[in-house]
Amino acid sequence: MNADRPALRAGLYARVSTADQSADLQTDALQLLAAARGWDAEVYLEVGWSGSRTSRPSLDRLLADAQAGRIGVVAVWRLDRLGRSLPHLLHTLDSLTAWGVGFVSVSDAGIDSTTAIGRLLIAVLGAVAEFEKNLIAERVRAGMAAAKARGRPVGRPRRL
């Protein structure tokens, strides 16, 4: 690490779904990563929050700090700690990229937007998610057309 350049500030995000679970495995691995890369790090710990919720107190604070430029990289132990929904994960990763913030997953090999191969992998994941979204839209349109052809009402019921 260059002595003239300050250490990169990292937000280390860990989450457990219930209060009787321990986040030690996650935080230990994240702090080892931060130390190995020379990052000045802060842990954002979420206890008792499901990954299916897109808004969580520590995650919201982490994202606000990332958007404000207070951190330069977000690290998670595993991608599912950040979220369980692919659209939410991709939206979060897109936001981090737009803010110039890197993203690293300790346990998911290759997901590291601070490297060229990691950015490629994230782009491929985004393309697959967009493809899936388009397939769903096509199936919905086909189902609506089939219902119309059978004379069934399509769309919202009319207001009285």
C-alpha atoms as a PDB file:
ATOM      1  CA  MET A   1       0.000   0.000   0.000  1.00  0.00           C
ATOM      2  CA  ASN A   2       1.351   3.419  -0.951  1.00  0.00           C
ATOM      3  CA  ALA A   3       2.039   5.554   2.135  1.00  0.00           C
ATOM      4  CA  ASP A   4       0.937   8.695   0.226  1.00  0.00           C
ATOM      5  CA  ARG A   5      -2.519   7.249  -0.430  1.00  0.00           C
ATOM      6  CA  PRO A   6      -4.994   6.839   2.420  1.00  0.00           C
ATOM      7  CA  ALA A   7      -6.434   3.392   3.058  1.00  0.00           C
ATOM      8  CA  LEU A   8      -9.665   2.604   1.253  1.00  0.00           C
ATOM      9  CA  ARG A   9     -12.656   2.906   3.604  1.00  0.00           C
ATOM     10  CA  ALA A  10     -14.734  -0.287   3.560  1.00  0.00           C
ATOM     11  CA  GLY A  11     -18.226  -1.050   4.767  1.00  0.00           C
ATOM     12  CA  LEU A  12     -18.362  -4.642   5.992  1.00  0.00           C
ATOM     13  CA  TYR A  13     -21.970  -5.841   5.967  1.00  0.00           C
ATOM     14  CA  ALA A  14     -23.031  -8.852   8.044  1.00  0.00           C
ATOM     15  CA  ARG A  15     -26.551 -10.119   8.730  1.00  0.00           C
ATOM     16  CA  VAL A  16     -28.195 -12.830  10.790  1.00  0.00           C
ATOM     17  CA  SER A  17     -31.920 -13.461  10.709  1.00  0.00           C
ATOM     18  CA  THR A  18     -32.495 -14.107  14.416  1.00  0.00           C
ATOM     19  CA  ALA A  19     -31.024 -12.795  17.651  1.00  0.00           C
ATOM     20  CA  ASP A  20     -29.962 -16.298  18.738  1.00  0.00           C
ATOM     21  CA  GLN A  21     -27.595 -16.585  15.757  1.00  0.00           C
ATOM     22  CA  SER A  22     -24.019 -15.319  15.761  1.00  0.00           C
ATOM     23  CA  ALA A  23     -22.477 -13.185  13.039  1.00  0.00           C
ATOM     24  CA  ASP A  24     -18.936 -13.944  14.255  1.00  0.00           C
ATOM     25  CA  LEU A  25     -18.109 -16.200  11.283  1.00  0.00           C
ATOM     26  CA  GLN A  26     -19.085 -13.409   8.893  1.00  0.00           C
ATOM     27  CA  THR A  27     -17.438 -10.526  10.735  1.00  0.00           C
ATOM     28  CA  ASP A  28     -14.201 -12.481  11.330  1.00  0.00           C
ATOM     29  CA  ALA A  29     -13.878 -13.297   7.603  1.00  0.00           C
ATOM     30  CA  LEU A  30     -14.723  -9.724   6.604  1.00  0.00           C
ATOM     31  CA  GLN A  31     -12.192  -8.223   9.001  1.00  0.00           C
ATOM     32  CA  LEU A  32      -9.507 -10.616   7.710  1.00  0.00           C
ATOM     33  CA  LEU A  33     -10.283  -9.488   4.156  1.00  0.00           C
ATOM     34  CA  ALA A  34     -10.094  -5.833   5.177  1.00  0.00           C
ATOM     35  CA  ALA A  35      -6.782  -6.357   6.955  1.00  0.00           C
ATOM     36  CA  ALA A  36      -5.327  -8.287   4.000  1.00  0.00           C
ATOM     37  CA  ARG A  37      -6.283  -5.506   1.586  1.00  0.00           C
ATOM     38  CA  GLY A  38      -5.256  -2.674   3.890  1.00  0.00           C
ATOM     39  CA  TRP A  39      -8.763  -1.263   4.209  1.00  0.00           C
ATOM     40  CA  ASP A  40      -9.935   0.960   7.028  1.00  0.00           C
ATOM     41  CA  ALA A  41     -13.215  -0.807   7.828  1.00  0.00           C
ATOM     42  CA  GLU A  42     -16.476  -0.368   9.674  1.00  0.00           C
ATOM     43  CA  VAL A  43     -18.841  -3.259  10.382  1.00  0.00           C
ATOM     44  CA  TYR A  44     -22.523  -2.724   9.582  1.00  0.00           C
ATOM     45  CA  LEU A  45     -24.251  -5.492  11.535  1.00  0.00           C
ATOM     46  CA  GLU A  46     -27.872  -6.517  11.062  1.00  0.00           C
ATOM     47  CA  VAL A  47     -29.392  -8.807  13.705  1.00  0.00           C
ATOM     48  CA  GLY A  48     -32.915 -10.158  13.446  1.00  0.00           C
ATOM     49  CA  TRP A  49     -33.674  -9.014   9.897  1.00  0.00           C
ATOM     50  CA  SER A  50     -34.634 -11.260   6.995  1.00  0.00           C
ATOM     51  CA  GLY A  51     -32.698 -10.959   3.747  1.00  0.00           C
ATOM     52  CA  SER A  52     -36.005 -10.766   1.898  1.00  0.00           C
ATOM     53  CA  ARG A  53     -36.565  -7.248   3.277  1.00  0.00           C
ATOM     54  CA  THR A  54     -35.055  -4.658   0.977  1.00  0.00           C
ATOM     55  CA  SER A  55     -34.945  -2.006   3.698  1.00  0.00           C
ATOM     56  CA  ARG A  56     -33.003  -2.818   6.868  1.00  0.00           C
ATOM     57  CA  PRO A  57     -31.507  -0.290   9.312  1.00  0.00           C
ATOM     58  CA  SER A  58     -27.814  -1.187   8.925  1.00  0.00           C
ATOM     59  CA  LEU A  59     -28.121  -1.819   5.184  1.00  0.00           C
ATOM     60  CA  ASP A  60     -29.853   1.538   4.723  1.00  0.00           C
ATOM     61  CA  ARG A  61     -27.066   3.258   6.700  1.00  0.00           C
ATOM     62  CA  LEU A  62     -24.391   1.410   4.672  1.00  0.00           C
ATOM     63  CA  LEU A  63     -25.973   2.448   1.371  1.00  0.00           C
ATOM     64  CA  ALA A  64     -26.359   6.054   2.547  1.00  0.00           C
ATOM     65  CA  ASP A  65     -22.662   6.122   3.511  1.00  0.00           C
ATOM     66  CA  ALA A  66     -21.733   4.603   0.138  1.00  0.00           C
ATOM     67  CA  GLN A  67     -23.813   7.147  -1.767  1.00  0.00           C
ATOM     68  CA  ALA A  68     -22.329  10.005   0.268  1.00  0.00           C
ATOM     69  CA  GLY A  69     -18.802   8.835  -0.597  1.00  0.00           C
ATOM     70  CA  ARG A  70     -17.886   7.886   2.974  1.00  0.00           C
ATOM     71  CA  ILE A  71     -16.931   4.360   1.892  1.00  0.00           C
ATOM     72  CA  GLY A  72     -15.251   3.119  -1.269  1.00  0.00           C
ATOM     73  CA  VAL A  73     -16.015  -0.589  -1.116  1.00  0.00           C
ATOM     74  CA  VAL A  74     -18.745  -2.803   0.352  1.00  0.00           C
ATOM     75  CA  ALA A  75     -17.860  -6.328   1.419  1.00  0.00           C
ATOM     76  CA  VAL A  76     -20.169  -9.170   2.424  1.00  0.00           C
ATOM     77  CA  TRP A  77     -19.413 -12.686   3.602  1.00  0.00           C
ATOM     78  CA  ARG A  78     -21.825 -14.167   1.052  1.00  0.00           C
ATOM     79  CA  LEU A  79     -24.162 -12.610  -1.477  1.00  0.00           C
ATOM     80  CA  ASP A  80     -27.263 -13.938   0.301  1.00  0.00           C
ATOM     81  CA  ARG A  81     -26.346 -11.850   3.361  1.00  0.00           C
ATOM     82  CA  LEU A  82     -26.985  -8.740   1.262  1.00  0.00           C
ATOM     83  CA  GLY A  83     -30.328  -9.952  -0.051  1.00  0.00           C
ATOM     84  CA  ARG A  84     -32.404 -12.896  -1.191  1.00  0.00           C
ATOM     85  CA  SER A  85     -34.047 -11.256  -4.202  1.00  0.00           C
ATOM     86  CA  LEU A  86     -32.092 -11.116  -7.459  1.00  0.00           C
ATOM     87  CA  PRO A  87     -33.722  -7.832  -8.544  1.00  0.00           C
ATOM     88  CA  HIS A  88     -32.814  -6.248  -5.172  1.00  0.00           C
ATOM     89  CA  LEU A  89     -29.242  -7.552  -5.366  1.00  0.00           C
ATOM     90  CA  LEU A  90     -28.782  -6.258  -8.905  1.00  0.00           C
ATOM     91  CA  HIS A  91     -30.327  -2.889  -8.036  1.00  0.00           C
ATOM     92  CA  THR A  92     -27.960  -2.598  -5.065  1.00  0.00           C
ATOM     93  CA  LEU A  93     -24.931  -3.557  -7.169  1.00  0.00           C
ATOM     94  CA  ASP A  94     -25.985  -1.099  -9.905  1.00  0.00           C
ATOM     95  CA  SER A  95     -26.316   1.659  -7.302  1.00  0.00           C
ATOM     96  CA  LEU A  96     -22.872   0.911  -5.846  1.00  0.00           C
ATOM     97  CA  THR A  97     -21.367   0.985  -9.343  1.00  0.00           C
ATOM     98  CA  ALA A  98     -23.081   4.304 -10.120  1.00  0.00           C
ATOM     99  CA  TRP A  99     -21.659   5.769  -6.898  1.00  0.00           C
ATOM    100  CA  GLY A 100     -18.148   4.515  -7.726  1.00  0.00           C
ATOM    101  CA  VAL A 101     -18.186   2.020  -4.853  1.00  0.00           C
ATOM    102  CA  GLY A 102     -16.598  -1.422  -5.226  1.00  0.00           C
ATOM    103  CA  PHE A 103     -18.248  -4.654  -4.108  1.00  0.00           C
ATOM    104  CA  VAL A 104     -16.641  -7.861  -2.810  1.00  0.00           C
ATOM    105  CA  SER A 105     -18.165 -11.134  -1.629  1.00  0.00           C
ATOM    106  CA  VAL A 106     -15.741 -13.180   0.483  1.00  0.00           C
ATOM    107  CA  SER A 107     -17.309 -16.600  -0.159  1.00  0.00           C
ATOM    108  CA  ASP A 108     -18.683 -16.208  -3.683  1.00  0.00           C
ATOM    109  CA  ALA A 109     -15.661 -16.772  -5.912  1.00  0.00           C
ATOM    110  CA  GLY A 110     -15.177 -14.092  -8.515  1.00  0.00           C
ATOM    111  CA  ILE A 111     -17.692 -11.550  -7.242  1.00  0.00           C
ATOM    112  CA  ASP A 112     -15.312  -8.668  -6.739  1.00  0.00           C
ATOM    113  CA  SER A 113     -16.026  -5.493  -8.692  1.00  0.00           C
ATOM    114  CA  THR A 114     -12.558  -4.208  -7.840  1.00  0.00           C
ATOM    115  CA  THR A 115     -11.167  -6.659 -10.460  1.00  0.00           C
ATOM    116  CA  ALA A 116     -11.791  -6.937 -14.198  1.00  0.00           C
ATOM    117  CA  ILE A 117     -13.011 -10.560 -14.005  1.00  0.00           C
ATOM    118  CA  GLY A 118     -15.295  -9.659 -11.105  1.00  0.00           C
ATOM    119  CA  ARG A 119     -16.889  -6.822 -13.098  1.00  0.00           C
ATOM    120  CA  LEU A 120     -17.423  -9.264 -15.975  1.00  0.00           C
ATOM    121  CA  LEU A 121     -19.101 -11.809 -13.686  1.00  0.00           C
ATOM    122  CA  ILE A 122     -21.402  -9.138 -12.233  1.00  0.00           C
ATOM    123  CA  ALA A 123     -22.309  -7.997 -15.763  1.00  0.00           C
ATOM    124  CA  VAL A 124     -23.144 -11.595 -16.740  1.00  0.00           C
ATOM    125  CA  LEU A 125     -25.349 -11.945 -13.632  1.00  0.00           C
ATOM    126  CA  GLY A 126     -27.125  -8.740 -14.627  1.00  0.00           C
ATOM    127  CA  ALA A 127     -27.672  -9.989 -18.168  1.00  0.00           C
ATOM    128  CA  VAL A 128     -29.127 -13.269 -16.891  1.00  0.00           C
ATOM    129  CA  ALA A 129     -31.476 -11.373 -14.565  1.00  0.00           C
ATOM    130  CA  GLU A 130     -32.627  -9.113 -17.410  1.00  0.00           C
ATOM    131  CA  PHE A 131     -33.209 -12.181 -19.597  1.00  0.00           C
ATOM    132  CA  GLU A 132     -35.284 -13.775 -16.818  1.00  0.00           C
ATOM    133  CA  LYS A 133     -37.340 -10.580 -16.428  1.00  0.00           C
ATOM    134  CA  ASN A 134     -38.015 -10.482 -20.172  1.00  0.00           C
ATOM    135  CA  LEU A 135     -39.085 -14.151 -20.196  1.00  0.00           C
ATOM    136  CA  ILE A 136     -41.552 -13.482 -17.382  1.00  0.00           C
ATOM    137  CA  ALA A 137     -42.986 -10.497 -19.287  1.00  0.00           C
ATOM    138  CA  GLU A 138     -43.378 -12.632 -22.435  1.00  0.00           C
ATOM    139  CA  ARG A 139     -45.196 -15.354 -20.477  1.00  0.00           C
ATOM    140  CA  VAL A 140     -47.540 -12.788 -18.921  1.00  0.00           C
ATOM    141  CA  ARG A 141     -48.360 -11.301 -22.347  1.00  0.00           C
ATOM    142  CA  ALA A 142     -48.939 -14.796 -23.793  1.00  0.00           C
ATOM    143  CA  GLY A 143     -51.213 -15.715 -20.886  1.00  0.00           C
ATOM    144  CA  MET A 144     -53.221 -12.505 -21.309  1.00  0.00           C
ATOM    145  CA  ALA A 145     -53.589 -13.133 -25.061  1.00  0.00           C
ATOM    146  CA  ALA A 146     -54.759 -16.715 -24.391  1.00  0.00           C
ATOM    147  CA  ALA A 147     -57.305 -15.483 -21.829  1.00  0.00           C
ATOM    148  CA  LYS A 148     -58.591 -12.832 -24.276  1.00  0.00           C
ATOM    149  CA  ALA A 149     -58.923 -15.464 -27.023  1.00  0.00           C
ATOM    150  CA  ARG A 150     -61.126 -17.503 -24.676  1.00  0.00           C
ATOM    151  CA  GLY A 151     -63.286 -14.456 -23.936  1.00  0.00           C
ATOM    152  CA  ARG A 152     -62.081 -14.063 -20.346  1.00  0.00           C
ATOM    153  CA  PRO A 153     -61.680 -10.559 -18.944  1.00  0.00           C
ATOM    154  CA  VAL A 154     -58.067  -9.359 -18.807  1.00  0.00           C
ATOM    155  CA  GLY A 155     -56.666  -6.665 -16.582  1.00  0.00           C
ATOM    156  CA  ARG A 156     -58.034  -4.940 -13.542  1.00  0.00           C
ATOM    157  CA  PRO A 157     -61.764  -4.995 -12.922  1.00  0.00           C
ATOM    158  CA  ARG A 158     -63.521  -1.774 -13.891  1.00  0.00           C
ATOM    159  CA  ARG A 159     -64.330   0.616 -11.087  1.00  0.00           C
ATOM    160  CA  LEU A 160     -67.972   1.085 -10.278  1.00  0.00           C
END
